[in-house]
Amino acid sequence: MQITLKLFATFRNGRFKVAQQELPEGTDVRAVVLSLGLTEEEIGIVMLNGRHGELDSKLANGDTLSLFPLVGGG
């Protein structure tokens, strides 16, 4: 299956903004996160097709996955 993967803020450093990814059927968000060299703890927001998603959300052909890092500040 093919998805569109969008990275935001610091996740773009040394990576990309938007990419098409070919993945096996049944892949979940967690597997994509780990394949990028990220940890679950670094993920602030998961958006799947413009709606809130979870790390265990299963991906389907044509999905758009957006990953945002945790943001700190004071």
PDB file of N, CA and C in Angstrom:
ATOM      1  N   MET A   1       0.847  -1.179   0.000  1.00  0.00           N
ATOM      2  CA  MET A   1       0.000   0.000   0.000  1.00  0.00           C
ATOM      3  C   MET A   1       0.885   1.233   0.000  1.00  0.00           C
ATOM      4  N   GLN A   2       0.327   2.345  -0.434  1.00  0.00           N
ATOM      5  CA  GLN A   2       1.087   3.593  -0.476  1.00  0.00           C
ATOM      6  C   GLN A   2       0.381   4.636   0.380  1.00  0.00           C
ATOM      7  N   ILE A   3       1.182   5.345   1.194  1.00  0.00           N
ATOM      8  CA  ILE A   3       0.653   6.435   2.009  1.00  0.00           C
ATOM      9  C   ILE A   3       1.458   7.696   1.729  1.00  0.00           C
ATOM     10  N   THR A   4       0.896   8.831   2.127  1.00  0.00           N
ATOM     11  CA  THR A   4       1.616  10.100   2.131  1.00  0.00           C
ATOM     12  C   THR A   4       2.004  10.378   3.569  1.00  0.00           C
ATOM     13  N   LEU A   5       3.272  10.631   3.803  1.00  0.00           N
ATOM     14  CA  LEU A   5       3.786  10.895   5.140  1.00  0.00           C
ATOM     15  C   LEU A   5       4.260  12.338   5.204  1.00  0.00           C
ATOM     16  N   LYS A   6       3.720  13.093   6.171  1.00  0.00           N
ATOM     17  CA  LYS A   6       4.098  14.495   6.366  1.00  0.00           C
ATOM     18  C   LYS A   6       4.752  14.637   7.738  1.00  0.00           C
ATOM     19  N   LEU A   7       5.914  15.269   7.752  1.00  0.00           N
ATOM     20  CA  LEU A   7       6.626  15.525   8.998  1.00  0.00           C
ATOM     21  C   LEU A   7       6.622  17.021   9.279  1.00  0.00           C
ATOM     22  N   PHE A   8       6.575  17.366  10.560  1.00  0.00           N
ATOM     23  CA  PHE A   8       6.501  18.767  10.954  1.00  0.00           C
ATOM     24  C   PHE A   8       7.588  19.107  11.965  1.00  0.00           C
ATOM     25  N   ALA A   9       7.931  20.402  11.990  1.00  0.00           N
ATOM     26  CA  ALA A   9       8.879  20.990  12.944  1.00  0.00           C
ATOM     27  C   ALA A   9      10.208  20.226  12.924  1.00  0.00           C
ATOM     28  N   THR A  10      10.712  19.842  14.083  1.00  0.00           N
ATOM     29  CA  THR A  10      12.040  19.228  14.174  1.00  0.00           C
ATOM     30  C   THR A  10      12.119  17.859  13.509  1.00  0.00           C
ATOM     31  N   PHE A  11      11.000  17.210  13.270  1.00  0.00           N
ATOM     32  CA  PHE A  11      11.033  15.914  12.584  1.00  0.00           C
ATOM     33  C   PHE A  11      11.543  16.048  11.154  1.00  0.00           C
ATOM     34  N   ARG A  12      11.488  17.246  10.594  1.00  0.00           N
ATOM     35  CA  ARG A  12      11.957  17.471   9.223  1.00  0.00           C
ATOM     36  C   ARG A  12      13.481  17.548   9.137  1.00  0.00           C
ATOM     37  N   ASN A  13      14.136  17.849  10.238  1.00  0.00           N
ATOM     38  CA  ASN A  13      15.591  18.023  10.227  1.00  0.00           C
ATOM     39  C   ASN A  13      16.279  16.750   9.746  1.00  0.00           C
ATOM     40  N   GLY A  14      16.960  16.842   8.605  1.00  0.00           N
ATOM     41  CA  GLY A  14      17.671  15.704   8.055  1.00  0.00           C
ATOM     42  C   GLY A  14      16.770  14.665   7.413  1.00  0.00           C
ATOM     43  N   ARG A  15      15.480  14.987   7.286  1.00  0.00           N
ATOM     44  CA  ARG A  15      14.542  14.041   6.681  1.00  0.00           C
ATOM     45  C   ARG A  15      13.870  14.698   5.483  1.00  0.00           C
ATOM     46  N   PHE A  16      12.598  14.931   5.560  1.00  0.00           N
ATOM     47  CA  PHE A  16      11.798  15.465   4.459  1.00  0.00           C
ATOM     48  C   PHE A  16      10.561  16.128   5.040  1.00  0.00           C
ATOM     49  N   LYS A  17       9.854  16.881   4.212  1.00  0.00           N
ATOM     50  CA  LYS A  17       8.577  17.473   4.616  1.00  0.00           C
ATOM     51  C   LYS A  17       7.428  16.537   4.272  1.00  0.00           C
ATOM     52  N   VAL A  18       7.420  16.082   3.021  1.00  0.00           N
ATOM     53  CA  VAL A  18       6.361  15.197   2.534  1.00  0.00           C
ATOM     54  C   VAL A  18       6.999  14.112   1.680  1.00  0.00           C
ATOM     55  N   ALA A  19       6.550  12.874   1.872  1.00  0.00           N
ATOM     56  CA  ALA A  19       7.069  11.762   1.069  1.00  0.00           C
ATOM     57  C   ALA A  19       5.975  10.725   0.861  1.00  0.00           C
ATOM     58  N   GLN A  20       6.065  10.046  -0.261  1.00  0.00           N
ATOM     59  CA  GLN A  20       5.211   8.890  -0.515  1.00  0.00           C
ATOM     60  C   GLN A  20       5.963   7.669   0.005  1.00  0.00           C
ATOM     61  N   GLN A  21       5.268   6.818   0.746  1.00  0.00           N
ATOM     62  CA  GLN A  21       5.911   5.623   1.289  1.00  0.00           C
ATOM     63  C   GLN A  21       5.119   4.390   0.896  1.00  0.00           C
ATOM     64  N   GLU A  22       5.838   3.372   0.485  1.00  0.00           N
ATOM     65  CA  GLU A  22       5.249   2.072   0.177  1.00  0.00           C
ATOM     66  C   GLU A  22       5.414   1.206   1.423  1.00  0.00           C
ATOM     67  N   LEU A  23       4.313   0.688   1.945  1.00  0.00           N
ATOM     68  CA  LEU A  23       4.327  -0.084   3.185  1.00  0.00           C
ATOM     69  C   LEU A  23       3.554  -1.383   3.007  1.00  0.00           C
ATOM     70  N   PRO A  24       3.891  -2.403   3.804  1.00  0.00           N
ATOM     71  CA  PRO A  24       3.111  -3.637   3.762  1.00  0.00           C
ATOM     72  C   PRO A  24       1.705  -3.416   4.333  1.00  0.00           C
ATOM     73  N   GLU A  25       0.738  -4.160   3.835  1.00  0.00           N
ATOM     74  CA  GLU A  25      -0.622  -4.101   4.383  1.00  0.00           C
ATOM     75  C   GLU A  25      -0.564  -4.402   5.877  1.00  0.00           C
ATOM     76  N   GLY A  26      -1.388  -3.711   6.650  1.00  0.00           N
ATOM     77  CA  GLY A  26      -1.464  -3.951   8.089  1.00  0.00           C
ATOM     78  C   GLY A  26      -0.475  -3.158   8.916  1.00  0.00           C
ATOM     79  N   THR A  27       0.341  -2.319   8.279  1.00  0.00           N
ATOM     80  CA  THR A  27       1.308  -1.501   9.014  1.00  0.00           C
ATOM     81  C   THR A  27       0.569  -0.499   9.887  1.00  0.00           C
ATOM     82  N   ASP A  28       1.070  -0.309  11.115  1.00  0.00           N
ATOM     83  CA  ASP A  28       0.472   0.700  11.985  1.00  0.00           C
ATOM     84  C   ASP A  28       1.389   1.919  12.081  1.00  0.00           C
ATOM     85  N   VAL A  29       0.876   2.967  12.715  1.00  0.00           N
ATOM     86  CA  VAL A  29       1.627   4.224  12.844  1.00  0.00           C
ATOM     87  C   VAL A  29       2.928   3.999  13.603  1.00  0.00           C
ATOM     88  N   ARG A  30       2.892   3.180  14.636  1.00  0.00           N
ATOM     89  CA  ARG A  30       4.084   2.921  15.447  1.00  0.00           C
ATOM     90  C   ARG A  30       5.235   2.409  14.566  1.00  0.00           C
ATOM     91  N   ALA A  31       4.955   1.514  13.648  1.00  0.00           N
ATOM     92  CA  ALA A  31       5.997   0.962  12.775  1.00  0.00           C
ATOM     93  C   ALA A  31       6.623   2.056  11.915  1.00  0.00           C
ATOM     94  N   VAL A  32       5.821   2.995  11.442  1.00  0.00           N
ATOM     95  CA  VAL A  32       6.346   4.105  10.643  1.00  0.00           C
ATOM     96  C   VAL A  32       7.238   4.991  11.511  1.00  0.00           C
ATOM     97  N   VAL A  33       6.780   5.299  12.715  1.00  0.00           N
ATOM     98  CA  VAL A  33       7.557   6.125  13.647  1.00  0.00           C
ATOM     99  C   VAL A  33       8.924   5.492  13.892  1.00  0.00           C
ATOM    100  N   LEU A  34       8.936   4.210  14.203  1.00  0.00           N
ATOM    101  CA  LEU A  34      10.190   3.525  14.496  1.00  0.00           C
ATOM    102  C   LEU A  34      11.085   3.449  13.264  1.00  0.00           C
ATOM    103  N   SER A  35      10.507   3.299  12.081  1.00  0.00           N
ATOM    104  CA  SER A  35      11.305   3.234  10.852  1.00  0.00           C
ATOM    105  C   SER A  35      12.010   4.555  10.554  1.00  0.00           C
ATOM    106  N   LEU A  36      11.489   5.643  11.098  1.00  0.00           N
ATOM    107  CA  LEU A  36      12.103   6.962  10.924  1.00  0.00           C
ATOM    108  C   LEU A  36      13.209   7.227  11.947  1.00  0.00           C
ATOM    109  N   GLY A  37      13.427   6.283  12.859  1.00  0.00           N
ATOM    110  CA  GLY A  37      14.429   6.475  13.898  1.00  0.00           C
ATOM    111  C   GLY A  37      13.926   7.332  15.042  1.00  0.00           C
ATOM    112  N   LEU A  38      12.612   7.484  15.133  1.00  0.00           N
ATOM    113  CA  LEU A  38      11.999   8.248  16.218  1.00  0.00           C
ATOM    114  C   LEU A  38      11.547   7.290  17.311  1.00  0.00           C
ATOM    115  N   THR A  39      11.333   7.836  18.500  1.00  0.00           N
ATOM    116  CA  THR A  39      10.780   7.036  19.587  1.00  0.00           C
ATOM    117  C   THR A  39       9.334   7.451  19.826  1.00  0.00           C
ATOM    118  N   GLU A  40       8.587   6.572  20.428  1.00  0.00           N
ATOM    119  CA  GLU A  40       7.189   6.872  20.731  1.00  0.00           C
ATOM    120  C   GLU A  40       7.076   8.112  21.612  1.00  0.00           C
ATOM    121  N   GLU A  41       8.044   8.298  22.501  1.00  0.00           N
ATOM    122  CA  GLU A  41       8.017   9.417  23.440  1.00  0.00           C
ATOM    123  C   GLU A  41       8.187  10.761  22.741  1.00  0.00           C
ATOM    124  N   GLU A  42       8.770  10.779  21.558  1.00  0.00           N
ATOM    125  CA  GLU A  42       8.978  12.026  20.819  1.00  0.00           C
ATOM    126  C   GLU A  42       7.719  12.511  20.105  1.00  0.00           C
ATOM    127  N   ILE A  43       6.742  11.645  19.950  1.00  0.00           N
ATOM    128  CA  ILE A  43       5.544  11.976  19.182  1.00  0.00           C
ATOM    129  C   ILE A  43       4.579  12.788  20.041  1.00  0.00           C
ATOM    130  N   GLY A  44       4.218  13.964  19.530  1.00  0.00           N
ATOM    131  CA  GLY A  44       3.251  14.806  20.233  1.00  0.00           C
ATOM    132  C   GLY A  44       1.844  14.597  19.709  1.00  0.00           C
ATOM    133  N   ILE A  45       1.695  14.651  18.383  1.00  0.00           N
ATOM    134  CA  ILE A  45       0.381  14.512  17.758  1.00  0.00           C
ATOM    135  C   ILE A  45       0.507  13.622  16.532  1.00  0.00           C
ATOM    136  N   VAL A  46      -0.446  12.714  16.397  1.00  0.00           N
ATOM    137  CA  VAL A  46      -0.593  11.884  15.198  1.00  0.00           C
ATOM    138  C   VAL A  46      -1.893  12.297  14.527  1.00  0.00           C
ATOM    139  N   MET A  47      -1.801  12.670  13.260  1.00  0.00           N
ATOM    140  CA  MET A  47      -3.000  12.973  12.474  1.00  0.00           C
ATOM    141  C   MET A  47      -3.074  11.957  11.342  1.00  0.00           C
ATOM    142  N   LEU A  48      -4.239  11.338  11.195  1.00  0.00           N
ATOM    143  CA  LEU A  48      -4.458  10.359  10.142  1.00  0.00           C
ATOM    144  C   LEU A  48      -5.646  10.822   9.321  1.00  0.00           C
ATOM    145  N   ASN A  49      -5.362  11.212   8.083  1.00  0.00           N
ATOM    146  CA  ASN A  49      -6.399  11.749   7.189  1.00  0.00           C
ATOM    147  C   ASN A  49      -7.112  12.954   7.804  1.00  0.00           C
ATOM    148  N   GLY A  50      -6.322  13.812   8.468  1.00  0.00           N
ATOM    149  CA  GLY A  50      -6.864  15.048   9.026  1.00  0.00           C
ATOM    150  C   GLY A  50      -7.580  14.898  10.352  1.00  0.00           C
ATOM    151  N   ARG A  51      -7.553  13.696  10.915  1.00  0.00           N
ATOM    152  CA  ARG A  51      -8.186  13.453  12.215  1.00  0.00           C
ATOM    153  C   ARG A  51      -7.153  12.885  13.179  1.00  0.00           C
ATOM    154  N   HIS A  52      -7.442  13.044  14.468  1.00  0.00           N
ATOM    155  CA  HIS A  52      -6.534  12.529  15.486  1.00  0.00           C
ATOM    156  C   HIS A  52      -6.362  11.022  15.326  1.00  0.00           C
ATOM    157  N   GLY A  53      -5.115  10.573  15.381  1.00  0.00           N
ATOM    158  CA  GLY A  53      -4.814   9.149  15.299  1.00  0.00           C
ATOM    159  C   GLY A  53      -4.010   8.702  16.503  1.00  0.00           C
ATOM    160  N   GLU A  54      -3.761   7.420  16.568  1.00  0.00           N
ATOM    161  CA  GLU A  54      -2.993   6.817  17.659  1.00  0.00           C
ATOM    162  C   GLU A  54      -1.831   6.027  17.073  1.00  0.00           C
ATOM    163  N   LEU A  55      -0.859   5.703  17.906  1.00  0.00           N
ATOM    164  CA  LEU A  55       0.281   4.925  17.438  1.00  0.00           C
ATOM    165  C   LEU A  55      -0.132   3.541  16.956  1.00  0.00           C
ATOM    166  N   ASP A  56      -1.204   3.001  17.512  1.00  0.00           N
ATOM    167  CA  ASP A  56      -1.643   1.674  17.085  1.00  0.00           C
ATOM    168  C   ASP A  56      -2.673   1.720  15.956  1.00  0.00           C
ATOM    169  N   SER A  57      -2.932   2.916  15.404  1.00  0.00           N
ATOM    170  CA  SER A  57      -3.857   3.035  14.269  1.00  0.00           C
ATOM    171  C   SER A  57      -3.274   2.310  13.057  1.00  0.00           C
ATOM    172  N   LYS A  58      -4.087   1.465  12.435  1.00  0.00           N
ATOM    173  CA  LYS A  58      -3.673   0.758  11.216  1.00  0.00           C
ATOM    174  C   LYS A  58      -3.794   1.698  10.024  1.00  0.00           C
ATOM    175  N   LEU A  59      -2.835   1.613   9.125  1.00  0.00           N
ATOM    176  CA  LEU A  59      -2.823   2.446   7.926  1.00  0.00           C
ATOM    177  C   LEU A  59      -3.445   1.686   6.758  1.00  0.00           C
ATOM    178  N   ALA A  60      -4.026   2.446   5.832  1.00  0.00           N
ATOM    179  CA  ALA A  60      -4.640   1.864   4.641  1.00  0.00           C
ATOM    180  C   ALA A  60      -4.115   2.585   3.408  1.00  0.00           C
ATOM    181  N   ASN A  61      -4.219   1.948   2.274  1.00  0.00           N
ATOM    182  CA  ASN A  61      -3.775   2.542   1.025  1.00  0.00           C
ATOM    183  C   ASN A  61      -4.422   3.910   0.824  1.00  0.00           C
ATOM    184  N   GLY A  62      -3.594   4.902   0.481  1.00  0.00           N
ATOM    185  CA  GLY A  62      -4.087   6.250   0.225  1.00  0.00           C
ATOM    186  C   GLY A  62      -4.157   7.152   1.441  1.00  0.00           C
ATOM    187  N   ASP A  63      -3.854   6.617   2.637  1.00  0.00           N
ATOM    188  CA  ASP A  63      -3.896   7.436   3.850  1.00  0.00           C
ATOM    189  C   ASP A  63      -2.840   8.535   3.807  1.00  0.00           C
ATOM    190  N   THR A  64      -3.124   9.619   4.546  1.00  0.00           N
ATOM    191  CA  THR A  64      -2.146  10.671   4.799  1.00  0.00           C
ATOM    192  C   THR A  64      -1.862  10.680   6.292  1.00  0.00           C
ATOM    193  N   LEU A  65      -0.613  10.437   6.651  1.00  0.00           N
ATOM    194  CA  LEU A  65      -0.168  10.398   8.036  1.00  0.00           C
ATOM    195  C   LEU A  65       0.698  11.621   8.300  1.00  0.00           C
ATOM    196  N   SER A  66       0.338  12.400   9.319  1.00  0.00           N
ATOM    197  CA  SER A  66       1.105  13.585   9.711  1.00  0.00           C
ATOM    198  C   SER A  66       1.616  13.379  11.127  1.00  0.00           C
ATOM    199  N   LEU A  67       2.903  13.632  11.332  1.00  0.00           N
ATOM    200  CA  LEU A  67       3.528  13.449  12.641  1.00  0.00           C
ATOM    201  C   LEU A  67       4.100  14.775  13.136  1.00  0.00           C
ATOM    202  N   PHE A  68       3.741  15.120  14.367  1.00  0.00           N
ATOM    203  CA  PHE A  68       4.189  16.352  15.008  1.00  0.00           C
ATOM    204  C   PHE A  68       4.945  15.993  16.284  1.00  0.00           C
ATOM    205  N   PRO A  69       6.073  16.666  16.557  1.00  0.00           N
ATOM    206  CA  PRO A  69       6.813  16.393  17.786  1.00  0.00           C
ATOM    207  C   PRO A  69       6.160  17.064  18.993  1.00  0.00           C
ATOM    208  N   LEU A  70       6.572  16.597  20.162  1.00  0.00           N
ATOM    209  CA  LEU A  70       6.198  17.302  21.382  1.00  0.00           C
ATOM    210  C   LEU A  70       6.805  18.696  21.323  1.00  0.00           C
ATOM    211  N   VAL A  71       6.096  19.659  21.841  1.00  0.00           N
ATOM    212  CA  VAL A  71       6.579  21.035  21.845  1.00  0.00           C
ATOM    213  C   VAL A  71       6.670  21.490  23.291  1.00  0.00           C
ATOM    214  N   GLY A  72       7.833  22.000  23.659  1.00  0.00           N
ATOM    215  CA  GLY A  72       8.024  22.501  25.009  1.00  0.00           C
ATOM    216  C   GLY A  72       8.132  24.009  24.997  1.00  0.00           C
ATOM    217  N   GLY A  73       8.026  24.567  26.126  1.00  0.00           N
ATOM    218  CA  GLY A  73       8.162  26.016  26.226  1.00  0.00           C
ATOM    219  C   GLY A  73       7.584  26.492  27.532  1.00  0.00           C
ATOM    220  N   GLY A  74       7.681  27.742  27.727  1.00  0.00           N
ATOM    221  CA  GLY A  74       7.191  28.196  28.999  1.00  0.00           C
ATOM    222  C   GLY A  74       6.682  29.554  28.904  1.00  0.00           C
TER     223      GLY A  74
END
